[in-house]
N, C-alpha and C. Protein backbone atom coordinates (compact mmCIF):
# COMPACT_ATOMS: atom_id res chain seq x y z
N MET A 1 8.60 -28.90 -45.99
CA MET A 1 8.01 -28.58 -44.70
C MET A 1 9.02 -28.83 -43.58
N LYS A 2 9.74 -29.96 -43.65
CA LYS A 2 10.74 -30.26 -42.62
C LYS A 2 11.85 -29.21 -42.61
N ARG A 3 12.19 -28.76 -43.80
CA ARG A 3 13.24 -27.75 -43.91
C ARG A 3 12.79 -26.44 -43.26
N LEU A 4 11.54 -26.06 -43.49
CA LEU A 4 10.98 -24.85 -42.89
C LEU A 4 10.98 -24.96 -41.37
N MET A 5 10.57 -26.11 -40.84
CA MET A 5 10.57 -26.32 -39.38
C MET A 5 11.99 -26.23 -38.82
N ALA A 6 12.96 -26.78 -39.53
CA ALA A 6 14.35 -26.72 -39.08
C ALA A 6 14.84 -25.28 -39.03
N ILE A 7 14.47 -24.49 -40.03
CA ILE A 7 14.87 -23.08 -40.05
C ILE A 7 14.22 -22.32 -38.89
N ILE A 8 12.94 -22.56 -38.65
CA ILE A 8 12.23 -21.90 -37.55
C ILE A 8 12.86 -22.27 -36.21
N LEU A 9 13.14 -23.53 -36.01
CA LEU A 9 13.76 -23.97 -34.75
C LEU A 9 15.16 -23.39 -34.59
N PHE A 10 15.84 -23.12 -35.68
CA PHE A 10 17.16 -22.49 -35.61
C PHE A 10 17.04 -21.00 -35.28
N LEU A 11 16.03 -20.34 -35.81
CA LEU A 11 15.88 -18.90 -35.63
C LEU A 11 15.33 -18.50 -34.26
N ILE A 12 14.56 -19.34 -33.62
CA ILE A 12 13.99 -18.99 -32.31
C ILE A 12 15.08 -18.66 -31.29
N PRO A 13 16.11 -19.51 -31.10
CA PRO A 13 17.16 -19.13 -30.15
C PRO A 13 17.91 -17.87 -30.56
N LEU A 14 18.10 -17.65 -31.85
CA LEU A 14 18.77 -16.43 -32.30
C LEU A 14 17.96 -15.19 -31.94
N ALA A 15 16.67 -15.27 -32.08
CA ALA A 15 15.81 -14.13 -31.73
C ALA A 15 15.88 -13.86 -30.23
N ALA A 16 15.92 -14.90 -29.44
CA ALA A 16 16.02 -14.72 -27.98
C ALA A 16 17.34 -14.08 -27.61
N MET A 17 18.43 -14.47 -28.28
CA MET A 17 19.74 -13.91 -27.98
C MET A 17 19.84 -12.46 -28.43
N ALA A 18 19.05 -12.06 -29.41
CA ALA A 18 19.11 -10.70 -29.93
C ALA A 18 18.45 -9.69 -29.00
N GLN A 19 17.75 -10.16 -28.00
CA GLN A 19 17.09 -9.27 -27.05
C GLN A 19 18.14 -8.39 -26.39
N LYS A 20 17.93 -7.10 -26.38
CA LYS A 20 18.90 -6.15 -25.84
C LYS A 20 18.98 -6.25 -24.32
N ARG A 21 20.20 -6.30 -23.80
CA ARG A 21 20.44 -6.35 -22.36
C ARG A 21 21.62 -5.43 -22.05
N ILE A 22 21.44 -4.52 -21.08
CA ILE A 22 22.49 -3.59 -20.72
C ILE A 22 22.63 -3.54 -19.20
N THR A 23 23.71 -2.95 -18.73
CA THR A 23 23.92 -2.80 -17.29
C THR A 23 24.15 -1.33 -16.95
N VAL A 24 23.88 -1.03 -15.69
CA VAL A 24 24.21 0.27 -15.13
C VAL A 24 24.69 0.01 -13.70
N SER A 25 25.81 0.62 -13.34
CA SER A 25 26.42 0.37 -12.02
C SER A 25 26.63 1.68 -11.28
N GLY A 26 26.49 1.61 -9.96
CA GLY A 26 26.71 2.77 -9.11
C GLY A 26 27.56 2.42 -7.91
N TYR A 27 28.11 3.46 -7.27
CA TYR A 27 29.04 3.29 -6.16
C TYR A 27 28.81 4.41 -5.16
N GLN A 28 28.91 4.11 -3.87
CA GLN A 28 28.85 5.13 -2.83
C GLN A 28 30.01 4.91 -1.86
N ASP A 29 30.68 6.00 -1.53
CA ASP A 29 31.78 5.97 -0.56
C ASP A 29 31.48 7.02 0.50
N ARG A 30 31.22 6.54 1.73
CA ARG A 30 30.96 7.47 2.84
C ARG A 30 32.28 8.02 3.34
N ILE A 31 32.36 9.33 3.47
CA ILE A 31 33.58 10.00 3.93
C ILE A 31 33.28 10.61 5.29
N PRO A 32 34.03 10.22 6.34
CA PRO A 32 33.77 10.77 7.69
C PRO A 32 33.78 12.30 7.69
N ASN A 33 32.81 12.90 8.39
CA ASN A 33 32.67 14.35 8.52
C ASN A 33 32.54 15.07 7.17
N ALA A 34 32.00 14.39 6.19
CA ALA A 34 31.81 15.00 4.87
C ALA A 34 30.62 14.32 4.19
N ASN A 35 30.26 14.83 3.05
CA ASN A 35 29.19 14.21 2.26
C ASN A 35 29.71 12.92 1.63
N ALA A 36 28.80 12.04 1.32
CA ALA A 36 29.17 10.81 0.63
C ALA A 36 29.51 11.13 -0.83
N GLU A 37 30.38 10.31 -1.38
CA GLU A 37 30.70 10.42 -2.80
C GLU A 37 29.88 9.39 -3.56
N LEU A 38 29.09 9.84 -4.51
CA LEU A 38 28.27 8.96 -5.33
C LEU A 38 28.83 8.97 -6.75
N ARG A 39 28.94 7.79 -7.34
CA ARG A 39 29.43 7.70 -8.72
C ARG A 39 28.57 6.75 -9.52
N CYS A 40 28.25 7.18 -10.73
CA CYS A 40 27.53 6.34 -11.69
C CYS A 40 27.66 7.02 -13.05
N ASP A 41 28.05 6.27 -14.06
CA ASP A 41 28.15 6.84 -15.41
C ASP A 41 26.78 7.04 -16.02
N GLY A 42 25.79 6.31 -15.54
CA GLY A 42 24.45 6.43 -16.07
C GLY A 42 24.28 5.68 -17.37
N VAL A 43 23.03 5.57 -17.78
CA VAL A 43 22.73 4.85 -19.01
C VAL A 43 21.51 5.50 -19.67
N ARG A 44 21.59 5.66 -20.99
CA ARG A 44 20.45 6.18 -21.76
C ARG A 44 19.76 4.97 -22.39
N ILE A 45 18.45 4.90 -22.17
CA ILE A 45 17.69 3.84 -22.81
C ILE A 45 16.67 4.48 -23.76
N THR A 46 16.47 3.83 -24.89
CA THR A 46 15.60 4.39 -25.91
C THR A 46 14.29 3.62 -26.04
N ARG A 47 14.22 2.46 -25.37
CA ARG A 47 13.00 1.66 -25.36
C ARG A 47 12.69 1.29 -23.92
N THR A 48 11.45 0.96 -23.64
CA THR A 48 11.10 0.53 -22.29
C THR A 48 11.88 -0.72 -21.94
N MET A 49 12.54 -0.69 -20.77
CA MET A 49 13.32 -1.82 -20.30
C MET A 49 12.85 -2.16 -18.90
N GLU A 50 13.23 -3.34 -18.43
CA GLU A 50 12.87 -3.75 -17.07
C GLU A 50 14.10 -4.31 -16.39
N ILE A 51 14.11 -4.21 -15.05
CA ILE A 51 15.22 -4.76 -14.28
C ILE A 51 15.13 -6.28 -14.35
N ASP A 52 16.21 -6.88 -14.81
CA ASP A 52 16.29 -8.33 -14.98
C ASP A 52 16.95 -8.98 -13.77
N SER A 53 18.02 -8.36 -13.27
CA SER A 53 18.69 -8.87 -12.07
C SER A 53 19.54 -7.76 -11.46
N ILE A 54 19.93 -7.97 -10.20
CA ILE A 54 20.76 -6.99 -9.49
C ILE A 54 21.87 -7.72 -8.77
N SER A 55 22.97 -7.01 -8.54
CA SER A 55 24.05 -7.57 -7.73
C SER A 55 24.81 -6.42 -7.08
N GLY A 56 25.65 -6.77 -6.12
CA GLY A 56 26.48 -5.78 -5.45
C GLY A 56 26.40 -5.92 -3.94
N TYR A 57 27.17 -5.10 -3.27
CA TYR A 57 27.19 -5.06 -1.81
C TYR A 57 26.52 -3.77 -1.40
N HIS A 58 25.27 -3.86 -0.96
CA HIS A 58 24.48 -2.66 -0.69
C HIS A 58 23.33 -2.99 0.25
N ASN A 59 22.70 -1.95 0.75
CA ASN A 59 21.49 -2.08 1.57
C ASN A 59 20.36 -1.33 0.87
N GLY A 60 20.00 -1.83 -0.30
CA GLY A 60 19.01 -1.14 -1.12
C GLY A 60 19.67 -0.15 -2.05
N PHE A 61 18.85 0.52 -2.86
CA PHE A 61 19.38 1.46 -3.84
C PHE A 61 18.28 2.39 -4.29
N TRP A 62 18.68 3.42 -5.05
CA TRP A 62 17.69 4.29 -5.66
C TRP A 62 18.11 4.59 -7.09
N ILE A 63 17.10 4.84 -7.91
CA ILE A 63 17.28 5.12 -9.33
C ILE A 63 16.82 6.54 -9.57
N THR A 64 17.64 7.32 -10.30
CA THR A 64 17.23 8.68 -10.63
C THR A 64 17.09 8.84 -12.14
N LYS A 65 16.19 9.74 -12.52
CA LYS A 65 15.97 10.10 -13.92
C LYS A 65 15.76 11.61 -13.94
N SER A 66 16.53 12.31 -14.74
CA SER A 66 16.41 13.77 -14.86
C SER A 66 16.57 14.46 -13.51
N GLY A 67 17.47 13.95 -12.67
CA GLY A 67 17.74 14.58 -11.39
C GLY A 67 16.73 14.30 -10.29
N ARG A 68 15.73 13.48 -10.58
CA ARG A 68 14.71 13.15 -9.59
C ARG A 68 14.73 11.66 -9.30
N ILE A 69 14.38 11.32 -8.07
CA ILE A 69 14.30 9.90 -7.73
C ILE A 69 13.14 9.27 -8.49
N GLU A 70 13.47 8.29 -9.28
CA GLU A 70 12.48 7.55 -10.06
C GLU A 70 11.86 6.45 -9.19
N LYS A 71 12.72 5.72 -8.50
CA LYS A 71 12.25 4.62 -7.65
C LYS A 71 13.31 4.38 -6.58
N ALA A 72 12.88 4.08 -5.37
CA ALA A 72 13.80 3.81 -4.27
C ALA A 72 13.47 2.48 -3.61
N TYR A 73 14.47 1.68 -3.44
CA TYR A 73 14.36 0.43 -2.68
C TYR A 73 15.31 0.60 -1.50
N TRP A 74 14.74 0.93 -0.36
CA TRP A 74 15.58 1.37 0.75
C TRP A 74 16.20 0.24 1.55
N THR A 75 15.76 -0.97 1.37
CA THR A 75 16.40 -2.08 2.10
C THR A 75 16.73 -3.19 1.13
N LEU A 76 17.67 -4.02 1.51
CA LEU A 76 18.07 -5.14 0.66
C LEU A 76 16.89 -6.06 0.40
N ARG A 77 16.06 -6.27 1.40
CA ARG A 77 14.90 -7.14 1.21
C ARG A 77 13.98 -6.59 0.13
N GLN A 78 13.70 -5.30 0.18
CA GLN A 78 12.86 -4.69 -0.86
C GLN A 78 13.55 -4.79 -2.22
N ALA A 79 14.86 -4.56 -2.24
CA ALA A 79 15.59 -4.55 -3.49
C ALA A 79 15.51 -5.90 -4.19
N THR A 80 15.67 -6.96 -3.44
CA THR A 80 15.65 -8.28 -4.07
C THR A 80 14.24 -8.78 -4.30
N ASP A 81 13.30 -8.38 -3.46
CA ASP A 81 11.93 -8.88 -3.58
C ASP A 81 11.11 -8.18 -4.66
N SER A 82 11.28 -6.88 -4.81
CA SER A 82 10.34 -6.16 -5.65
C SER A 82 10.94 -5.39 -6.82
N SER A 83 12.25 -5.34 -6.94
CA SER A 83 12.81 -4.55 -8.04
C SER A 83 12.85 -5.31 -9.36
N ILE A 84 12.93 -6.63 -9.32
CA ILE A 84 12.97 -7.41 -10.55
C ILE A 84 11.65 -7.19 -11.31
N GLY A 85 11.78 -6.80 -12.57
CA GLY A 85 10.59 -6.53 -13.38
C GLY A 85 10.16 -5.07 -13.39
N TYR A 86 10.79 -4.21 -12.55
CA TYR A 86 10.43 -2.79 -12.54
C TYR A 86 10.76 -2.19 -13.91
N GLU A 87 9.82 -1.46 -14.49
CA GLU A 87 9.97 -0.90 -15.84
C GLU A 87 10.58 0.50 -15.80
N LEU A 88 11.51 0.72 -16.73
CA LEU A 88 12.11 2.03 -16.93
C LEU A 88 11.74 2.49 -18.34
N LYS A 89 11.08 3.63 -18.42
CA LYS A 89 10.71 4.21 -19.71
C LYS A 89 11.95 4.87 -20.34
N PRO A 90 11.91 5.19 -21.62
CA PRO A 90 13.06 5.84 -22.25
C PRO A 90 13.51 7.08 -21.48
N GLY A 91 14.82 7.25 -21.38
CA GLY A 91 15.41 8.38 -20.67
C GLY A 91 16.83 8.06 -20.24
N PHE A 92 17.41 8.93 -19.43
CA PHE A 92 18.77 8.75 -18.92
C PHE A 92 18.69 8.49 -17.43
N TYR A 93 19.25 7.38 -16.99
CA TYR A 93 19.12 6.92 -15.61
C TYR A 93 20.46 6.76 -14.91
N TYR A 94 20.42 6.96 -13.59
CA TYR A 94 21.55 6.67 -12.71
C TYR A 94 21.05 5.76 -11.60
N VAL A 95 21.94 4.96 -11.03
CA VAL A 95 21.58 4.11 -9.90
C VAL A 95 22.65 4.27 -8.81
N TYR A 96 22.20 4.36 -7.56
CA TYR A 96 23.12 4.55 -6.43
C TYR A 96 22.74 3.59 -5.31
N PRO A 97 23.73 2.99 -4.66
CA PRO A 97 23.46 2.04 -3.57
C PRO A 97 23.43 2.72 -2.20
N ASN A 98 22.72 2.12 -1.26
CA ASN A 98 22.78 2.51 0.15
C ASN A 98 23.89 1.69 0.81
N VAL A 99 24.61 2.32 1.71
CA VAL A 99 25.71 1.66 2.42
C VAL A 99 25.17 0.77 3.52
N ILE A 100 25.75 -0.41 3.67
CA ILE A 100 25.45 -1.29 4.80
C ILE A 100 26.41 -0.92 5.91
N LEU A 101 25.88 -0.38 7.02
CA LEU A 101 26.75 0.01 8.14
C LEU A 101 27.29 -1.25 8.82
N PRO A 102 28.50 -1.30 9.29
CA PRO A 102 29.44 -0.20 9.47
C PRO A 102 30.37 0.04 8.28
N SER A 103 30.12 -0.58 7.15
CA SER A 103 30.95 -0.37 5.97
C SER A 103 30.89 1.08 5.51
N ASP A 104 31.89 1.51 4.77
CA ASP A 104 31.91 2.86 4.22
C ASP A 104 31.69 2.88 2.72
N THR A 105 31.52 1.70 2.10
CA THR A 105 31.33 1.65 0.66
C THR A 105 30.17 0.74 0.30
N ALA A 106 29.62 0.97 -0.87
CA ALA A 106 28.54 0.13 -1.39
C ALA A 106 28.61 0.14 -2.92
N THR A 107 28.17 -0.96 -3.53
CA THR A 107 28.13 -1.06 -4.98
C THR A 107 26.79 -1.66 -5.41
N ILE A 108 26.39 -1.33 -6.63
CA ILE A 108 25.15 -1.88 -7.19
C ILE A 108 25.32 -2.00 -8.70
N THR A 109 24.84 -3.09 -9.25
CA THR A 109 24.76 -3.25 -10.70
C THR A 109 23.37 -3.77 -11.03
N LEU A 110 22.71 -3.08 -11.94
CA LEU A 110 21.40 -3.51 -12.45
C LEU A 110 21.58 -4.01 -13.87
N TRP A 111 21.00 -5.16 -14.16
CA TRP A 111 20.94 -5.65 -15.53
C TRP A 111 19.55 -5.34 -16.04
N LEU A 112 19.47 -4.67 -17.16
CA LEU A 112 18.20 -4.28 -17.75
C LEU A 112 18.02 -5.02 -19.07
N ARG A 113 16.79 -5.43 -19.34
CA ARG A 113 16.49 -6.08 -20.62
C ARG A 113 15.29 -5.40 -21.23
N GLU A 114 15.22 -5.48 -22.55
CA GLU A 114 14.09 -4.89 -23.25
C GLU A 114 12.80 -5.52 -22.79
N LYS A 115 11.80 -4.70 -22.60
CA LYS A 115 10.48 -5.18 -22.21
C LYS A 115 9.88 -5.93 -23.39
N LYS A 116 9.38 -7.12 -23.13
CA LYS A 116 8.79 -7.94 -24.21
C LYS A 116 7.44 -7.43 -24.59
């Protein structure tokens, strides 16, 4: 019995570490008298995932799926207050940051984890 408990206690942290976690990052560069340049390699997810954490220099961000805006957090306050835990269903996603004026660049990274 003690041996079984030891094995279970050993396996619990391993199961937690096996949880899938991925990132997706985006970039915006405002060009005077021209359109902004948006860059993101995107990420394909095959299981429902949720936003675990965010980082970057931005004033909010938006997420697109299949060329359409999936979700938009237009201010930094909204981005930090309400984006954690937002669920993304299987599909291919891009994320783009809003620029904080007077800066001409912005970055965003979302960490996604499998929904429990």
